[in-house]
């Protein structure tokens, strides 16, 4: 008939809990997460879209809504430049 190991007496409540946890195989210094596989690789982020491949305004340029890239638009006449404004009398 095997005898259970003798437990120390006079332990505080916290010491008693720690002893029970160690008897069950709990390691308080171990990580809560499993150890990662050393041969595993982290998933890589997808490459950032290049501005050269995708230009958001290209559709507007193709549709004639915007001038082609590099085209200089003529200056617009500002009607307020010719307006004398209210008379100051």
PDB file of N, CA and C in Angstrom:
ATOM      1  N   UNK A   1       0.848  -1.167   0.000  1.00  0.00           N
ATOM      2  CA  UNK A   1       0.000   0.000   0.000  1.00  0.00           C
ATOM      3  C   UNK A   1       0.895   1.231   0.000  1.00  0.00           C
ATOM      4  N   UNK A   2       0.754   2.058  -1.069  1.00  0.00           N
ATOM      5  CA  UNK A   2       1.595   3.251  -1.142  1.00  0.00           C
ATOM      6  C   UNK A   2       0.950   4.382  -0.377  1.00  0.00           C
ATOM      7  N   UNK A   3       1.789   5.134   0.208  1.00  0.00           N
ATOM      8  CA  UNK A   3       1.330   6.251   1.026  1.00  0.00           C
ATOM      9  C   UNK A   3       1.471   7.546   0.259  1.00  0.00           C
ATOM     10  N   UNK A   4       0.489   8.438   0.361  1.00  0.00           N
ATOM     11  CA  UNK A   4       0.581   9.754  -0.270  1.00  0.00           C
ATOM     12  C   UNK A   4       1.682  10.545   0.416  1.00  0.00           C
ATOM     13  N   UNK A   5       2.393  11.386  -0.346  1.00  0.00           N
ATOM     14  CA  UNK A   5       3.450  12.179   0.288  1.00  0.00           C
ATOM     15  C   UNK A   5       2.867  13.096   1.355  1.00  0.00           C
ATOM     16  N   UNK A   6       3.643  13.265   2.388  1.00  0.00           N
ATOM     17  CA  UNK A   6       3.216  14.124   3.499  1.00  0.00           C
ATOM     18  C   UNK A   6       3.263  15.580   3.068  1.00  0.00           C
ATOM     19  N   UNK A   7       2.197  16.294   3.386  1.00  0.00           N
ATOM     20  CA  UNK A   7       2.147  17.723   3.075  1.00  0.00           C
ATOM     21  C   UNK A   7       2.644  18.487   4.299  1.00  0.00           C
ATOM     22  N   UNK A   8       3.348  19.568   4.053  1.00  0.00           N
ATOM     23  CA  UNK A   8       3.782  20.380   5.193  1.00  0.00           C
ATOM     24  C   UNK A   8       2.574  20.995   5.903  1.00  0.00           C
ATOM     25  N   UNK A   9       2.722  21.201   7.167  1.00  0.00           N
ATOM     26  CA  UNK A   9       1.639  21.812   7.941  1.00  0.00           C
ATOM     27  C   UNK A   9       2.006  23.251   8.265  1.00  0.00           C
ATOM     28  N   UNK A  10       0.993  24.025   8.611  1.00  0.00           N
ATOM     29  CA  UNK A  10       1.231  25.412   9.005  1.00  0.00           C
ATOM     30  C   UNK A  10       1.446  26.345   7.819  1.00  0.00           C
ATOM     31  N   UNK A  11       0.931  25.975   6.656  1.00  0.00           N
ATOM     32  CA  UNK A  11       1.077  26.845   5.480  1.00  0.00           C
ATOM     33  C   UNK A  11      -0.022  27.904   5.470  1.00  0.00           C
ATOM     34  N   UNK A  12       0.308  29.068   4.915  1.00  0.00           N
ATOM     35  CA  UNK A  12      -0.716  30.100   4.757  1.00  0.00           C
ATOM     36  C   UNK A  12      -1.640  29.684   3.616  1.00  0.00           C
ATOM     37  N   UNK A  13      -2.732  30.388   3.445  1.00  0.00           N
ATOM     38  CA  UNK A  13      -3.683  30.070   2.388  1.00  0.00           C
ATOM     39  C   UNK A  13      -3.051  30.148   1.008  1.00  0.00           C
ATOM     40  N   UNK A  14      -2.248  31.181   0.780  1.00  0.00           N
ATOM     41  CA  UNK A  14      -1.598  31.340  -0.524  1.00  0.00           C
ATOM     42  C   UNK A  14      -0.583  30.230  -0.753  1.00  0.00           C
ATOM     43  N   UNK A  15       0.189  29.885   0.270  1.00  0.00           N
ATOM     44  CA  UNK A  15       1.173  28.809   0.132  1.00  0.00           C
ATOM     45  C   UNK A  15       0.486  27.474  -0.152  1.00  0.00           C
ATOM     46  N   UNK A  16      -0.657  27.249   0.499  1.00  0.00           N
ATOM     47  CA  UNK A  16      -1.426  26.021   0.280  1.00  0.00           C
ATOM     48  C   UNK A  16      -1.915  25.946  -1.178  1.00  0.00           C
ATOM     49  N   UNK A  17      -2.419  27.069  -1.704  1.00  0.00           N
ATOM     50  CA  UNK A  17      -2.879  27.105  -3.104  1.00  0.00           C
ATOM     51  C   UNK A  17      -1.721  26.853  -4.065  1.00  0.00           C
ATOM     52  N   UNK A  18      -0.579  27.469  -3.793  1.00  0.00           N
ATOM     53  CA  UNK A  18       0.591  27.281  -4.654  1.00  0.00           C
ATOM     54  C   UNK A  18       1.042  25.821  -4.660  1.00  0.00           C
ATOM     55  N   UNK A  19       1.035  25.183  -3.489  1.00  0.00           N
ATOM     56  CA  UNK A  19       1.438  23.789  -3.385  1.00  0.00           C
ATOM     57  C   UNK A  19       0.481  22.889  -4.168  1.00  0.00           C
ATOM     58  N   UNK A  20      -0.817  23.134  -4.042  1.00  0.00           N
ATOM     59  CA  UNK A  20      -1.804  22.333  -4.784  1.00  0.00           C
ATOM     60  C   UNK A  20      -1.621  22.520  -6.294  1.00  0.00           C
ATOM     61  N   UNK A  21      -1.369  23.761  -6.707  1.00  0.00           N
ATOM     62  CA  UNK A  21      -1.187  24.035  -8.135  1.00  0.00           C
ATOM     63  C   UNK A  21       0.048  23.315  -8.659  1.00  0.00           C
ATOM     64  N   UNK A  22       1.141  23.318  -7.896  1.00  0.00           N
ATOM     65  CA  UNK A  22       2.362  22.637  -8.323  1.00  0.00           C
ATOM     66  C   UNK A  22       2.161  21.125  -8.381  1.00  0.00           C
ATOM     67  N   UNK A  23       1.368  20.599  -7.438  1.00  0.00           N
ATOM     68  CA  UNK A  23       1.085  19.162  -7.450  1.00  0.00           C
ATOM     69  C   UNK A  23       0.298  18.768  -8.702  1.00  0.00           C
ATOM     70  N   UNK A  24      -0.534  19.671  -9.190  1.00  0.00           N
ATOM     71  CA  UNK A  24      -1.327  19.396 -10.396  1.00  0.00           C
ATOM     72  C   UNK A  24      -0.517  19.625 -11.666  1.00  0.00           C
ATOM     73  N   UNK A  25       0.682  20.155 -11.525  1.00  0.00           N
ATOM     74  CA  UNK A  25       1.528  20.363 -12.693  1.00  0.00           C
ATOM     75  C   UNK A  25       1.485  21.778 -13.239  1.00  0.00           C
ATOM     76  N   UNK A  26       0.908  22.711 -12.515  1.00  0.00           N
ATOM     77  CA  UNK A  26       0.844  24.097 -12.975  1.00  0.00           C
ATOM     78  C   UNK A  26       2.175  24.772 -12.716  1.00  0.00           C
ATOM     79  N   UNK A  27       2.683  25.459 -13.732  1.00  0.00           N
ATOM     80  CA  UNK A  27       3.931  26.204 -13.600  1.00  0.00           C
ATOM     81  C   UNK A  27       3.602  27.682 -13.703  1.00  0.00           C
ATOM     82  N   UNK A  28       3.703  28.408 -12.590  1.00  0.00           N
ATOM     83  CA  UNK A  28       3.322  29.823 -12.589  1.00  0.00           C
ATOM     84  C   UNK A  28       4.287  30.696 -13.380  1.00  0.00           C
ATOM     85  N   UNK A  29       5.453  30.186 -13.712  1.00  0.00           N
ATOM     86  CA  UNK A  29       6.401  30.962 -14.508  1.00  0.00           C
ATOM     87  C   UNK A  29       6.282  30.652 -16.000  1.00  0.00           C
ATOM     88  N   UNK A  30       5.440  29.695 -16.343  1.00  0.00           N
ATOM     89  CA  UNK A  30       5.264  29.345 -17.754  1.00  0.00           C
ATOM     90  C   UNK A  30       4.324  30.340 -18.417  1.00  0.00           C
ATOM     91  N   UNK A  31       4.444  30.440 -19.714  1.00  0.00           N
ATOM     92  CA  UNK A  31       3.585  31.329 -20.488  1.00  0.00           C
ATOM     93  C   UNK A  31       2.199  30.726 -20.604  1.00  0.00           C
ATOM     94  N   UNK A  32       1.195  31.580 -20.689  1.00  0.00           N
ATOM     95  CA  UNK A  32      -0.172  31.104 -20.857  1.00  0.00           C
ATOM     96  C   UNK A  32      -0.393  30.589 -22.272  1.00  0.00           C
ATOM     97  N   UNK A  33       0.410  31.048 -23.214  1.00  0.00           N
ATOM     98  CA  UNK A  33       0.279  30.618 -24.605  1.00  0.00           C
ATOM     99  C   UNK A  33       1.274  29.499 -24.890  1.00  0.00           C
ATOM    100  N   UNK A  34       0.925  28.601 -25.771  1.00  0.00           N
ATOM    101  CA  UNK A  34       1.878  27.539 -26.111  1.00  0.00           C
ATOM    102  C   UNK A  34       3.092  28.120 -26.830  1.00  0.00           C
ATOM    103  N   UNK A  35       4.191  27.423 -26.705  1.00  0.00           N
ATOM    104  CA  UNK A  35       5.411  27.872 -27.369  1.00  0.00           C
ATOM    105  C   UNK A  35       5.223  27.779 -28.881  1.00  0.00           C
ATOM    106  N   UNK A  36       5.636  28.802 -29.625  1.00  0.00           N
ATOM    107  CA  UNK A  36       5.480  28.745 -31.084  1.00  0.00           C
ATOM    108  C   UNK A  36       6.440  27.723 -31.688  1.00  0.00           C
ATOM    109  N   UNK A  37       6.051  27.176 -32.813  1.00  0.00           N
ATOM    110  CA  UNK A  37       6.890  26.240 -33.540  1.00  0.00           C
ATOM    111  C   UNK A  37       8.111  27.007 -34.049  1.00  0.00           C
ATOM    112  N   UNK A  38       9.323  26.563 -33.711  1.00  0.00           N
ATOM    113  CA  UNK A  38      10.506  27.332 -34.137  1.00  0.00           C
ATOM    114  C   UNK A  38      10.678  27.372 -35.653  1.00  0.00           C
ATOM    115  N   UNK A  39      10.082  26.416 -36.370  1.00  0.00           N
ATOM    116  CA  UNK A  39      10.198  26.404 -37.830  1.00  0.00           C
ATOM    117  C   UNK A  39       9.076  27.174 -38.511  1.00  0.00           C
ATOM    118  N   UNK A  40       8.132  27.672 -37.727  1.00  0.00           N
ATOM    119  CA  UNK A  40       6.983  28.374 -38.313  1.00  0.00           C
ATOM    120  C   UNK A  40       7.392  29.784 -38.726  1.00  0.00           C
ATOM    121  N   UNK A  41       6.738  30.269 -39.752  1.00  0.00           N
ATOM    122  CA  UNK A  41       6.979  31.633 -40.226  1.00  0.00           C
ATOM    123  C   UNK A  41       5.728  32.451 -39.990  1.00  0.00           C
ATOM    124  N   UNK A  42       5.916  33.692 -39.618  1.00  0.00           N
ATOM    125  CA  UNK A  42       4.778  34.588 -39.424  1.00  0.00           C
ATOM    126  C   UNK A  42       4.180  34.917 -40.781  1.00  0.00           C
ATOM    127  N   UNK A  43       2.850  35.030 -40.845  1.00  0.00           N
ATOM    128  CA  UNK A  43       2.252  35.407 -42.133  1.00  0.00           C
ATOM    129  C   UNK A  43       2.688  36.819 -42.499  1.00  0.00           C
ATOM    130  N   UNK A  44       3.088  36.980 -43.728  1.00  0.00           N
ATOM    131  CA  UNK A  44       3.563  38.304 -44.139  1.00  0.00           C
ATOM    132  C   UNK A  44       2.383  39.178 -44.523  1.00  0.00           C
ATOM    133  N   UNK A  45       2.565  40.456 -44.359  1.00  0.00           N
ATOM    134  CA  UNK A  45       1.543  41.415 -44.755  1.00  0.00           C
ATOM    135  C   UNK A  45       1.497  41.476 -46.275  1.00  0.00           C
ATOM    136  N   UNK A  46       0.320  41.698 -46.825  1.00  0.00           N
ATOM    137  CA  UNK A  46       0.264  41.832 -48.286  1.00  0.00           C
ATOM    138  C   UNK A  46       1.020  43.087 -48.712  1.00  0.00           C
ATOM    139  N   UNK A  47       1.620  43.064 -49.878  1.00  0.00           N
ATOM    140  CA  UNK A  47       2.368  44.246 -50.312  1.00  0.00           C
ATOM    141  C   UNK A  47       1.444  45.445 -50.484  1.00  0.00           C
ATOM    142  N   UNK A  48       1.960  46.601 -50.139  1.00  0.00           N
ATOM    143  CA  UNK A  48       1.172  47.829 -50.277  1.00  0.00           C
ATOM    144  C   UNK A  48       0.967  48.128 -51.757  1.00  0.00           C
ATOM    145  N   UNK A  49      -0.213  48.604 -52.102  1.00  0.00           N
ATOM    146  CA  UNK A  49      -0.443  48.904 -53.522  1.00  0.00           C
ATOM    147  C   UNK A  49       0.454  50.054 -53.977  1.00  0.00           C
ATOM    148  N   UNK A  50       1.013  49.903 -55.134  1.00  0.00           N
ATOM    149  CA  UNK A  50       1.897  50.926 -55.678  1.00  0.00           C
ATOM    150  C   UNK A  50       1.069  51.981 -56.388  1.00  0.00           C
ATOM    151  N   UNK A  51       1.447  53.218 -56.212  1.00  0.00           N
ATOM    152  CA  UNK A  51       0.741  54.302 -56.886  1.00  0.00           C
ATOM    153  C   UNK A  51       0.980  54.265 -58.391  1.00  0.00           C
ATOM    154  N   UNK A  52       2.079  53.650 -58.811  1.00  0.00           N
ATOM    155  CA  UNK A  52       2.353  53.563 -60.242  1.00  0.00           C
ATOM    156  C   UNK A  52       1.381  52.606 -60.925  1.00  0.00           C
ATOM    157  N   UNK A  53       0.974  51.563 -60.220  1.00  0.00           N
ATOM    158  CA  UNK A  53       0.076  50.584 -60.823  1.00  0.00           C
ATOM    159  C   UNK A  53      -1.370  51.049 -60.796  1.00  0.00           C
ATOM    160  N   UNK A  54      -1.738  51.819 -59.805  1.00  0.00           N
ATOM    161  CA  UNK A  54      -3.138  52.216 -59.652  1.00  0.00           C
ATOM    162  C   UNK A  54      -3.208  53.714 -59.387  1.00  0.00           C
ATOM    163  N   UNK A  55      -3.800  54.424 -60.296  1.00  0.00           N
ATOM    164  CA  UNK A  55      -3.986  55.863 -60.109  1.00  0.00           C
ATOM    165  C   UNK A  55      -5.476  56.106 -59.990  1.00  0.00           C
ATOM    166  N   UNK A  56      -5.958  56.602 -58.858  1.00  0.00           N
ATOM    167  CA  UNK A  56      -7.395  56.779 -58.657  1.00  0.00           C
ATOM    168  C   UNK A  56      -8.049  57.694 -59.683  1.00  0.00           C
ATOM    169  N   UNK A  57      -7.326  58.644 -60.230  1.00  0.00           N
ATOM    170  CA  UNK A  57      -7.928  59.596 -61.163  1.00  0.00           C
ATOM    171  C   UNK A  57      -7.832  59.148 -62.617  1.00  0.00           C
ATOM    172  N   UNK A  58      -7.265  57.973 -62.850  1.00  0.00           N
ATOM    173  CA  UNK A  58      -7.082  57.512 -64.230  1.00  0.00           C
ATOM    174  C   UNK A  58      -8.412  57.368 -64.958  1.00  0.00           C
ATOM    175  N   UNK A  59      -9.445  56.872 -64.278  1.00  0.00           N
ATOM    176  CA  UNK A  59     -10.752  56.721 -64.927  1.00  0.00           C
ATOM    177  C   UNK A  59     -11.314  58.073 -65.346  1.00  0.00           C
ATOM    178  N   UNK A  60     -11.146  59.083 -64.495  1.00  0.00           N
ATOM    179  CA  UNK A  60     -11.646  60.419 -64.830  1.00  0.00           C
ATOM    180  C   UNK A  60     -10.867  60.999 -66.010  1.00  0.00           C
ATOM    181  N   UNK A  61      -9.573  60.727 -66.070  1.00  0.00           N
ATOM    182  CA  UNK A  61      -8.775  61.199 -67.201  1.00  0.00           C
ATOM    183  C   UNK A  61      -9.208  60.501 -68.486  1.00  0.00           C
ATOM    184  N   UNK A  62      -9.450  59.190 -68.400  1.00  0.00           N
ATOM    185  CA  UNK A  62      -9.867  58.441 -69.591  1.00  0.00           C
ATOM    186  C   UNK A  62     -11.234  58.906 -70.076  1.00  0.00           C
ATOM    187  N   UNK A  63     -12.105  59.273 -69.150  1.00  0.00           N
ATOM    188  CA  UNK A  63     -13.442  59.724 -69.522  1.00  0.00           C
ATOM    189  C   UNK A  63     -13.490  61.171 -69.963  1.00  0.00           C
ATOM    190  N   UNK A  64     -12.373  61.879 -69.931  1.00  0.00           N
ATOM    191  CA  UNK A  64     -12.345  63.264 -70.362  1.00  0.00           C
ATOM    192  C   UNK A  64     -12.820  64.244 -69.306  1.00  0.00           C
ATOM    193  N   UNK A  65     -13.013  63.780 -68.079  1.00  0.00           N
ATOM    194  CA  UNK A  65     -13.471  64.674 -67.011  1.00  0.00           C
ATOM    195  C   UNK A  65     -12.318  65.485 -66.435  1.00  0.00           C
ATOM    196  N   UNK A  66     -11.110  64.981 -66.553  1.00  0.00           N
ATOM    197  CA  UNK A  66      -9.917  65.674 -66.080  1.00  0.00           C
ATOM    198  C   UNK A  66      -8.913  65.715 -67.218  1.00  0.00           C
ATOM    199  N   UNK A  67      -8.062  66.751 -67.242  1.00  0.00           N
ATOM    200  CA  UNK A  67      -7.016  66.760 -68.270  1.00  0.00           C
ATOM    201  C   UNK A  67      -6.019  65.642 -67.989  1.00  0.00           C
ATOM    202  N   UNK A  68      -5.348  65.176 -69.018  1.00  0.00           N
ATOM    203  CA  UNK A  68      -4.347  64.125 -68.859  1.00  0.00           C
ATOM    204  C   UNK A  68      -3.246  64.608 -67.926  1.00  0.00           C
ATOM    205  N   UNK A  69      -2.631  63.674 -67.255  1.00  0.00           N
ATOM    206  CA  UNK A  69      -1.565  64.020 -66.322  1.00  0.00           C
ATOM    207  C   UNK A  69      -0.442  64.708 -67.085  1.00  0.00           C
ATOM    208  N   UNK A  70       0.019  65.812 -66.552  1.00  0.00           N
ATOM    209  CA  UNK A  70       1.075  66.575 -67.192  1.00  0.00           C
ATOM    210  C   UNK A  70       0.545  67.715 -68.045  1.00  0.00           C
ATOM    211  N   UNK A  71      -0.757  67.741 -68.308  1.00  0.00           N
ATOM    212  CA  UNK A  71      -1.351  68.811 -69.106  1.00  0.00           C
ATOM    213  C   UNK A  71      -1.569  70.022 -68.210  1.00  0.00           C
ATOM    214  N   UNK A  72      -1.158  71.187 -68.706  1.00  0.00           N
ATOM    215  CA  UNK A  72      -1.363  72.413 -67.944  1.00  0.00           C
ATOM    216  C   UNK A  72      -2.623  73.080 -68.468  1.00  0.00           C
ATOM    217  N   UNK A  73      -3.561  73.326 -67.583  1.00  0.00           N
ATOM    218  CA  UNK A  73      -4.813  73.974 -67.986  1.00  0.00           C
ATOM    219  C   UNK A  73      -4.593  75.477 -68.084  1.00  0.00           C
ATOM    220  N   UNK A  74      -5.248  76.135 -69.032  1.00  0.00           N
ATOM    221  CA  UNK A  74      -5.110  77.591 -69.127  1.00  0.00           C
ATOM    222  C   UNK A  74      -5.732  78.249 -67.896  1.00  0.00           C
ATOM    223  N   UNK A  75      -5.233  79.421 -67.509  1.00  0.00           N
ATOM    224  CA  UNK A  75      -5.806  80.086 -66.342  1.00  0.00           C
ATOM    225  C   UNK A  75      -7.249  80.503 -66.623  1.00  0.00           C
ATOM    226  N   UNK A  76      -8.047  80.412 -65.613  1.00  0.00           N
ATOM    227  CA  UNK A  76      -9.448  80.814 -65.742  1.00  0.00           C
ATOM    228  C   UNK A  76      -9.575  82.304 -65.455  1.00  0.00           C
ATOM    229  N   UNK A  77     -10.463  82.956 -66.178  1.00  0.00           N
ATOM    230  CA  UNK A  77     -10.741  84.363 -65.894  1.00  0.00           C
ATOM    231  C   UNK A  77     -11.552  84.427 -64.612  1.00  0.00           C
ATOM    232  N   UNK A  78     -11.098  85.259 -63.711  1.00  0.00           N
ATOM    233  CA  UNK A  78     -11.833  85.434 -62.457  1.00  0.00           C
ATOM    234  C   UNK A  78     -12.759  86.627 -62.641  1.00  0.00           C
ATOM    235  N   UNK A  79     -14.059  86.393 -62.657  1.00  0.00           N
ATOM    236  CA  UNK A  79     -14.973  87.515 -62.898  1.00  0.00           C
ATOM    237  C   UNK A  79     -14.868  88.593 -61.825  1.00  0.00           C
ATOM    238  N   UNK A  80     -14.372  88.251 -60.657  1.00  0.00           N
ATOM    239  CA  UNK A  80     -14.263  89.258 -59.597  1.00  0.00           C
ATOM    240  C   UNK A  80     -13.140  90.252 -59.871  1.00  0.00           C
ATOM    241  N   UNK A  81     -12.176  89.901 -60.727  1.00  0.00           N
ATOM    242  CA  UNK A  81     -11.088  90.828 -61.039  1.00  0.00           C
ATOM    243  C   UNK A  81     -11.596  92.038 -61.830  1.00  0.00           C
ATOM    244  N   UNK A  82     -12.587  91.836 -62.690  1.00  0.00           N
ATOM    245  CA  UNK A  82     -13.117  92.924 -63.523  1.00  0.00           C
ATOM    246  C   UNK A  82     -14.230  93.694 -62.828  1.00  0.00           C
ATOM    247  N   UNK A  83     -14.736  93.133 -61.758  1.00  0.00           N
ATOM    248  CA  UNK A  83     -15.854  93.768 -61.049  1.00  0.00           C
ATOM    249  C   UNK A  83     -15.321  94.940 -60.221  1.00  0.00           C
ATOM    250  N   UNK A  84     -15.816  96.161 -60.477  1.00  0.00           N
ATOM    251  CA  UNK A  84     -15.330  97.311 -59.711  1.00  0.00           C
ATOM    252  C   UNK A  84     -15.777  97.260 -58.250  1.00  0.00           C
ATOM    253  N   UNK A  85     -16.777  96.466 -57.949  1.00  0.00           N
ATOM    254  CA  UNK A  85     -17.248  96.378 -56.573  1.00  0.00           C
ATOM    255  C   UNK A  85     -18.187  97.512 -56.243  1.00  0.00           C
ATOM    256  N   UNK A  86     -18.598  97.580 -55.006  1.00  0.00           N
ATOM    257  CA  UNK A  86     -19.528  98.665 -54.637  1.00  0.00           C
ATOM    258  C   UNK A  86     -18.820 100.018 -54.706  1.00  0.00           C
ATOM    259  N   UNK A  87     -19.575 100.982 -55.116  1.00  0.00           N
ATOM    260  CA  UNK A  87     -18.984 102.328 -55.214  1.00  0.00           C
ATOM    261  C   UNK A  87     -18.801 102.889 -53.809  1.00  0.00           C
ATOM    262  N   UNK A  88     -17.700 103.575 -53.640  1.00  0.00           N
ATOM    263  CA  UNK A  88     -17.412 104.145 -52.315  1.00  0.00           C
ATOM    264  C   UNK A  88     -17.587 105.654 -52.407  1.00  0.00           C
ATOM    265  N   UNK A  89     -18.780 106.096 -52.224  1.00  0.00           N
ATOM    266  CA  UNK A  89     -18.981 107.537 -52.305  1.00  0.00           C
ATOM    267  C   UNK A  89     -19.351 108.129 -50.984  1.00  0.00           C
TER     268      UNK A  89
END
